[in-house]
Amino acid sequence: MNRSKNWDEATSWDATTKRSGTTKLARNGRVADAERQAAISEAVAVAVEEAKPGLHKIPDPVEPAGEGALTDEERKRYEECLEGVDLGNQAWFIQGKALDTIATGRLFRDTPHKLEPERTYRTIEEWAPLEKGISVGKCSKLRAGWAIGEVLAARGYDVNPGQVREIVPVKNAFNLNAAVAVYVLVADTWGADQVTAERLRGTVKMLPGDLELDEDEDVDALAKTIKGVLVEEIQPPVSRAIPPAVTRAVDKTAIKIADALNRPRIPRSEVTLRLMEAFADPEDSTVYDAVLERMKAAEKEARGTARKALE
């Protein structure tokens, strides 16, 4: 009787279904988890491979398919090659960042020294030449300039380590944005394709020793500030006194006005007053326009002088 009851309990529909269903769900869950993990691992591997630089990703050289427009295959090959060219332009500051990260975190500290295997490397200056064949000087320059190179590349400039080396002192004295601003100023003055290490060096040398820059200003604002400072440094101080030649010309013109008005003379103070009134007249902009054109010409001449001095 007890045996029958136990059998009935063991073979009842509810008990069997619950136990087998639970086992099946658990098994299916484990399979699903395994498949999901495998899919994630595969996706990660593919992404890493796509991002990983390598010569095998550059198409082999082949002759043109024809004249004129590129074929779809040629267009794809062209784009793949452009990525390789861009990678080459950026490789130096990618290397610089990697070296800086290794040095800052002392990630070499448990690597056995190649010449003295009983100890590990103590400094990046020991590690770089022996492990990667990078001289101490080059390592220092790459570490100092990679952040500038990264920002300039993001702004679309084709920059090299020699150029960046000239504006690292500005970064050290002020901040990263100030260094980038000097490059932007030179690029705006001569053209982005005419930036040279020599021009950058000359611009940095012209910065006054007491230069003050707002740390919160962005790159473009800083470039304008620096440009204004340099123009003031180059130009001779503007005298508030009226040049004698201008005074004589005003007196002669005042005599003509006196004759026209049938007056014995016109005081210079009255001429000045009438000029100011005419200049500020909202109904008649003749004098204002004439003054504006003269000031534009003076600004253009000043910019030309500044550019020649920067050269």
Protein backbone atom coordinates (compact mmCIF):
# COMPACT_ATOMS: atom_id res chain seq x y z
CA MET A 1 0.00 0.00 0.00
CA ASN A 2 2.77 2.36 0.94
CA ARG A 3 4.68 1.22 -2.12
CA SER A 4 1.68 2.04 -4.30
CA LYS A 5 1.27 5.45 -2.71
CA ASN A 6 4.92 6.27 -3.27
CA TRP A 7 4.65 5.09 -6.82
CA ASP A 8 1.58 7.18 -7.41
CA GLU A 9 3.30 10.28 -6.02
CA ALA A 10 6.39 9.66 -8.08
CA THR A 11 4.45 9.06 -11.26
CA SER A 12 1.70 11.63 -10.85
CA TRP A 13 1.33 14.10 -13.74
CA ASP A 14 2.01 17.18 -11.64
CA ALA A 15 5.20 15.88 -10.01
CA THR A 16 6.70 14.53 -13.21
CA THR A 17 5.88 17.63 -15.20
CA LYS A 18 7.30 19.98 -12.60
CA ARG A 19 10.56 18.09 -12.17
CA SER A 20 11.22 17.45 -15.87
CA GLY A 21 10.12 20.96 -16.82
CA THR A 22 12.49 22.55 -14.33
CA THR A 23 15.39 20.43 -15.54
CA LYS A 24 14.66 21.25 -19.17
CA LEU A 25 14.41 25.00 -18.48
CA ALA A 26 17.70 25.00 -16.58
CA ARG A 27 19.40 23.10 -19.38
CA ASN A 28 17.97 25.44 -22.02
CA GLY A 29 19.04 28.45 -19.94
CA ARG A 30 22.61 27.20 -19.72
CA VAL A 31 22.69 26.58 -23.46
CA ALA A 32 21.29 30.05 -24.16
CA ASP A 33 23.85 31.63 -21.84
CA ALA A 34 26.67 29.75 -23.50
CA GLU A 35 25.47 30.75 -26.97
CA ARG A 36 25.08 34.36 -25.91
CA GLN A 37 28.58 34.46 -24.42
CA ALA A 38 29.99 32.85 -27.55
CA ALA A 39 28.25 35.46 -29.73
CA ILE A 40 29.57 38.29 -27.57
CA SER A 41 33.10 36.88 -27.65
CA GLU A 42 32.94 36.54 -31.43
CA ALA A 43 31.63 40.11 -31.83
CA VAL A 44 34.39 41.46 -29.59
CA ALA A 45 37.04 39.52 -31.50
CA VAL A 46 35.73 40.89 -34.81
CA ALA A 47 35.66 44.46 -33.45
CA VAL A 48 39.20 44.16 -32.11
CA GLU A 49 40.43 42.77 -35.41
CA GLU A 50 38.76 45.59 -37.35
CA ALA A 51 40.31 48.23 -35.09
CA LYS A 52 43.71 46.58 -35.02
CA PRO A 53 46.25 48.17 -37.39
CA GLY A 54 48.08 45.91 -39.75
CA LEU A 55 49.72 45.77 -43.16
CA HIS A 56 47.40 42.92 -44.18
CA LYS A 57 44.49 45.36 -44.18
CA ILE A 58 46.03 47.50 -46.93
CA PRO A 59 45.07 46.27 -50.42
CA ASP A 60 47.85 45.11 -52.72
CA PRO A 61 48.89 47.53 -55.51
CA VAL A 62 47.12 46.82 -58.81
CA GLU A 63 46.81 48.65 -62.12
CA PRO A 64 43.77 50.92 -62.74
CA ALA A 65 40.58 49.24 -63.87
CA GLY A 66 40.24 51.97 -66.48
CA GLU A 67 40.11 55.73 -66.96
CA GLY A 68 37.69 58.15 -65.36
CA ALA A 69 35.48 57.34 -62.38
CA LEU A 70 36.57 54.64 -59.95
CA THR A 71 34.77 51.33 -59.88
CA ASP A 72 33.06 50.25 -56.66
CA GLU A 73 35.96 47.93 -55.92
CA GLU A 74 38.50 50.71 -56.55
CA ARG A 75 36.53 53.10 -54.36
CA LYS A 76 36.60 50.58 -51.52
CA ARG A 77 40.34 50.01 -52.03
CA TYR A 78 40.91 53.78 -52.06
CA GLU A 79 39.04 54.27 -48.77
CA GLU A 80 40.97 51.44 -47.13
CA CYS A 81 44.24 53.03 -48.22
CA LEU A 82 43.17 56.45 -46.93
CA GLU A 83 42.60 54.88 -43.52
CA GLY A 84 46.16 53.56 -43.67
CA VAL A 85 47.54 56.99 -44.57
CA ASP A 86 45.59 58.63 -41.72
CA LEU A 87 46.85 55.97 -39.32
CA GLY A 88 50.41 56.78 -40.34
CA ASN A 89 49.83 60.49 -39.68
CA GLN A 90 48.41 59.71 -36.24
CA ALA A 91 50.78 56.92 -35.27
CA TRP A 92 53.27 59.22 -33.54
CA PHE A 93 50.84 60.67 -31.02
CA ILE A 94 49.19 57.28 -30.48
CA GLN A 95 52.67 56.01 -29.64
CA GLY A 96 53.27 59.03 -27.42
CA LYS A 97 50.09 58.45 -25.44
CA ALA A 98 50.97 54.77 -25.00
CA LEU A 99 54.45 55.68 -23.72
CA ASP A 100 52.99 58.30 -21.37
CA THR A 101 50.49 55.81 -19.99
CA ILE A 102 53.23 53.24 -19.43
CA ALA A 103 55.49 55.81 -17.77
CA THR A 104 52.83 57.39 -15.57
CA GLY A 105 51.56 54.06 -14.27
CA ARG A 106 55.06 52.55 -14.15
CA LEU A 107 53.64 49.58 -16.02
CA PHE A 108 57.16 48.34 -16.73
CA ARG A 109 57.90 47.77 -13.04
CA ASP A 110 57.64 43.96 -13.04
CA THR A 111 59.33 43.42 -16.43
CA PRO A 112 62.80 41.83 -16.06
CA HIS A 113 65.64 44.09 -17.22
CA LYS A 114 67.13 42.80 -20.47
CA LEU A 115 70.73 43.43 -19.41
CA GLU A 116 70.25 42.75 -15.71
CA PRO A 117 67.53 40.07 -15.49
CA GLU A 118 67.90 39.78 -11.73
CA ARG A 119 66.07 43.11 -11.42
CA THR A 120 63.18 44.91 -13.10
CA TYR A 121 63.07 48.25 -14.88
CA ARG A 122 63.02 51.30 -12.62
CA THR A 123 62.24 54.09 -15.12
CA ILE A 124 60.75 54.63 -18.57
CA GLU A 125 64.20 55.87 -19.64
CA GLU A 126 65.58 52.38 -18.95
CA TRP A 127 62.63 50.54 -20.47
CA ALA A 128 62.04 52.40 -23.77
CA PRO A 129 65.49 52.00 -25.40
CA LEU A 130 65.96 48.35 -24.44
CA GLU A 131 62.42 47.07 -24.91
CA LYS A 132 61.24 49.17 -27.87
CA GLY A 133 64.37 50.76 -29.32
CA ILE A 134 63.05 54.28 -28.62
CA SER A 135 65.69 56.77 -27.53
CA VAL A 136 65.25 58.64 -24.28
CA GLY A 137 64.99 61.97 -26.12
CA LYS A 138 62.36 60.74 -28.55
CA CYS A 139 60.38 59.13 -25.75
CA SER A 140 60.31 62.42 -23.82
CA LYS A 141 59.23 64.42 -26.87
CA LEU A 142 56.47 61.99 -27.78
CA ARG A 143 55.16 61.98 -24.23
CA ALA A 144 55.21 65.79 -24.07
CA GLY A 145 53.44 66.36 -27.37
CA TRP A 146 50.85 63.62 -27.87
CA ALA A 147 47.96 65.55 -26.27
CA ILE A 148 48.57 68.54 -28.56
CA GLY A 149 48.76 66.27 -31.60
CA GLU A 150 45.53 64.54 -30.66
CA VAL A 151 43.58 67.81 -30.37
CA LEU A 152 45.01 69.27 -33.59
CA ALA A 153 44.24 66.05 -35.50
CA ALA A 154 40.66 66.17 -34.19
CA ARG A 155 40.42 69.71 -35.59
CA GLY A 156 41.52 68.43 -39.01
CA TYR A 157 45.16 69.56 -39.05
CA ASP A 158 47.91 67.37 -40.49
CA VAL A 159 50.51 67.88 -37.77
CA ASN A 160 53.92 66.31 -37.19
CA PRO A 161 56.10 65.91 -34.07
CA GLY A 162 58.55 68.61 -35.18
CA GLN A 163 55.78 71.21 -35.30
CA VAL A 164 54.29 70.16 -31.97
CA ARG A 165 57.69 70.27 -30.28
CA GLU A 166 57.80 74.05 -30.87
CA ILE A 167 54.56 74.73 -28.98
CA VAL A 168 55.07 72.34 -26.05
CA PRO A 169 56.63 75.24 -24.05
CA VAL A 170 53.33 77.12 -24.41
CA LYS A 171 51.45 74.11 -23.03
CA ASN A 172 53.89 73.93 -20.11
CA ALA A 173 53.66 77.67 -19.40
CA PHE A 174 49.89 78.00 -19.80
CA ASN A 175 47.74 75.04 -20.84
CA LEU A 176 46.89 72.69 -23.69
CA ASN A 177 44.40 75.08 -25.30
CA ALA A 178 46.97 77.88 -25.41
CA ALA A 179 49.44 75.66 -27.29
CA VAL A 180 46.76 74.62 -29.77
CA ALA A 181 45.75 78.29 -30.14
CA VAL A 182 49.27 79.23 -31.26
CA TYR A 183 49.12 76.56 -33.97
CA VAL A 184 45.64 77.74 -35.05
CA LEU A 185 46.90 81.35 -35.20
CA VAL A 186 49.81 80.41 -37.46
CA ALA A 187 47.50 78.25 -39.63
CA ASP A 188 45.04 81.14 -39.99
CA THR A 189 47.86 83.56 -40.86
CA TRP A 190 49.64 81.52 -43.55
CA GLY A 191 47.22 78.70 -44.34
CA ALA A 192 46.88 75.24 -42.80
CA ASP A 193 49.23 73.72 -45.39
CA GLN A 194 51.93 76.34 -44.75
CA VAL A 195 52.48 75.74 -41.03
CA THR A 196 56.14 75.02 -40.34
CA ALA A 197 58.18 74.40 -37.21
CA GLU A 198 60.13 77.59 -37.97
CA ARG A 199 57.01 79.74 -38.10
CA LEU A 200 55.69 78.24 -34.90
CA ARG A 201 59.04 78.81 -33.21
CA GLY A 202 59.11 82.43 -34.34
CA THR A 203 55.58 83.03 -33.06
CA VAL A 204 56.35 81.52 -29.66
CA LYS A 205 59.47 83.69 -29.35
CA MET A 206 57.36 86.80 -29.89
CA LEU A 207 55.04 86.05 -26.95
CA PRO A 208 55.73 88.64 -24.23
CA GLY A 209 57.10 87.41 -20.93
CA ASP A 210 54.23 88.95 -18.99
CA LEU A 211 51.54 87.41 -21.20
CA GLU A 212 48.40 86.48 -19.28
CA LEU A 213 45.79 84.12 -20.73
CA ASP A 214 42.40 83.11 -19.35
CA GLU A 215 42.49 79.39 -18.56
CA ASP A 216 38.75 79.09 -19.23
CA GLU A 217 38.89 80.46 -22.80
CA ASP A 218 38.52 78.03 -25.68
CA VAL A 219 41.09 77.58 -28.44
CA ASP A 220 39.60 80.04 -30.95
CA ALA A 221 39.15 82.78 -28.34
CA LEU A 222 42.75 82.29 -27.16
CA ALA A 223 44.01 82.47 -30.75
CA LYS A 224 42.33 85.88 -31.15
CA THR A 225 43.72 87.06 -27.82
CA ILE A 226 47.26 86.01 -28.73
CA LYS A 227 46.94 87.61 -32.17
CA GLY A 228 45.85 90.89 -30.58
CA VAL A 229 48.76 90.80 -28.15
CA LEU A 230 51.26 90.14 -30.96
CA VAL A 231 49.89 92.97 -33.12
CA GLU A 232 50.24 95.37 -30.19
CA GLU A 233 53.78 94.12 -29.55
CA ILE A 234 54.76 94.64 -33.18
CA GLN A 235 53.13 98.01 -33.72
CA PRO A 236 54.72 101.14 -32.26
CA PRO A 237 52.64 102.69 -29.49
CA VAL A 238 49.92 104.93 -30.85
CA SER A 239 50.47 108.57 -29.94
CA ARG A 240 47.43 110.45 -28.73
CA ALA A 241 48.96 113.71 -30.01
CA ILE A 242 47.80 114.92 -33.41
CA PRO A 243 50.71 114.88 -35.87
CA PRO A 244 51.86 118.39 -36.91
CA ALA A 245 51.10 117.70 -40.57
CA VAL A 246 47.49 116.91 -39.71
CA THR A 247 47.20 120.06 -37.56
CA ARG A 248 48.48 122.23 -40.42
CA ALA A 249 46.05 120.57 -42.86
CA VAL A 250 43.15 121.19 -40.46
CA ASP A 251 44.09 124.87 -40.07
CA LYS A 252 44.27 125.36 -43.84
CA THR A 253 40.88 123.69 -44.31
CA ALA A 254 39.42 125.80 -41.47
CA ILE A 255 40.49 128.96 -43.36
CA LYS A 256 38.54 127.77 -46.41
CA ILE A 257 35.46 127.19 -44.23
CA ALA A 258 35.86 130.68 -42.71
CA ASP A 259 36.01 132.21 -46.18
CA ALA A 260 32.91 130.27 -47.24
CA LEU A 261 31.06 131.50 -44.15
CA ASN A 262 32.47 135.01 -44.45
CA ARG A 263 34.07 134.79 -41.04
CA PRO A 264 37.56 135.96 -40.04
CA ARG A 265 38.59 132.57 -38.62
CA ILE A 266 37.27 129.23 -37.38
CA PRO A 267 38.74 128.01 -34.06
CA ARG A 268 40.14 124.49 -34.18
CA SER A 269 37.94 123.53 -31.21
CA GLU A 270 34.86 124.41 -33.26
CA VAL A 271 36.08 122.28 -36.16
CA THR A 272 36.58 119.37 -33.75
CA LEU A 273 33.08 119.82 -32.33
CA ARG A 274 31.45 119.89 -35.77
CA LEU A 275 33.43 116.83 -36.86
CA MET A 276 32.28 114.90 -33.79
CA GLU A 277 28.66 115.92 -34.42
CA ALA A 278 28.90 114.84 -38.05
CA PHE A 279 30.59 111.59 -37.07
CA ALA A 280 27.77 110.71 -34.65
CA ASP A 281 24.91 111.99 -36.86
CA PRO A 282 22.33 109.16 -37.12
CA GLU A 283 20.73 110.78 -40.17
CA ASP A 284 23.87 111.23 -42.24
CA SER A 285 26.67 108.62 -42.11
CA THR A 286 29.01 110.35 -44.58
CA VAL A 287 31.68 111.25 -42.02
CA TYR A 288 31.25 107.95 -40.17
CA ASP A 289 31.74 105.99 -43.42
CA ALA A 290 34.85 107.98 -44.30
CA VAL A 291 36.38 107.40 -40.85
CA LEU A 292 35.50 103.69 -41.01
CA GLU A 293 37.23 103.28 -44.37
CA ARG A 294 40.36 105.00 -43.06
CA MET A 295 40.42 102.76 -39.98
CA LYS A 296 39.95 99.64 -42.13
CA ALA A 297 42.92 100.68 -44.23
CA ALA A 298 45.01 101.23 -41.10
CA GLU A 299 44.02 97.79 -39.73
CA LYS A 300 44.93 96.13 -43.02
CA GLU A 301 48.32 97.82 -42.99
CA ALA A 302 48.86 96.73 -39.36
CA ARG A 303 48.02 93.10 -40.22
CA GLY A 304 50.48 93.21 -43.09
CA THR A 305 53.16 94.54 -40.77
CA ALA A 306 52.38 91.85 -38.20
CA ARG A 307 52.56 89.10 -40.80
CA LYS A 308 55.91 90.30 -42.10
CA ALA A 309 57.24 90.42 -38.57
CA LEU A 310 56.04 86.87 -37.90
CA GLU A 311 57.89 85.71 -41.00
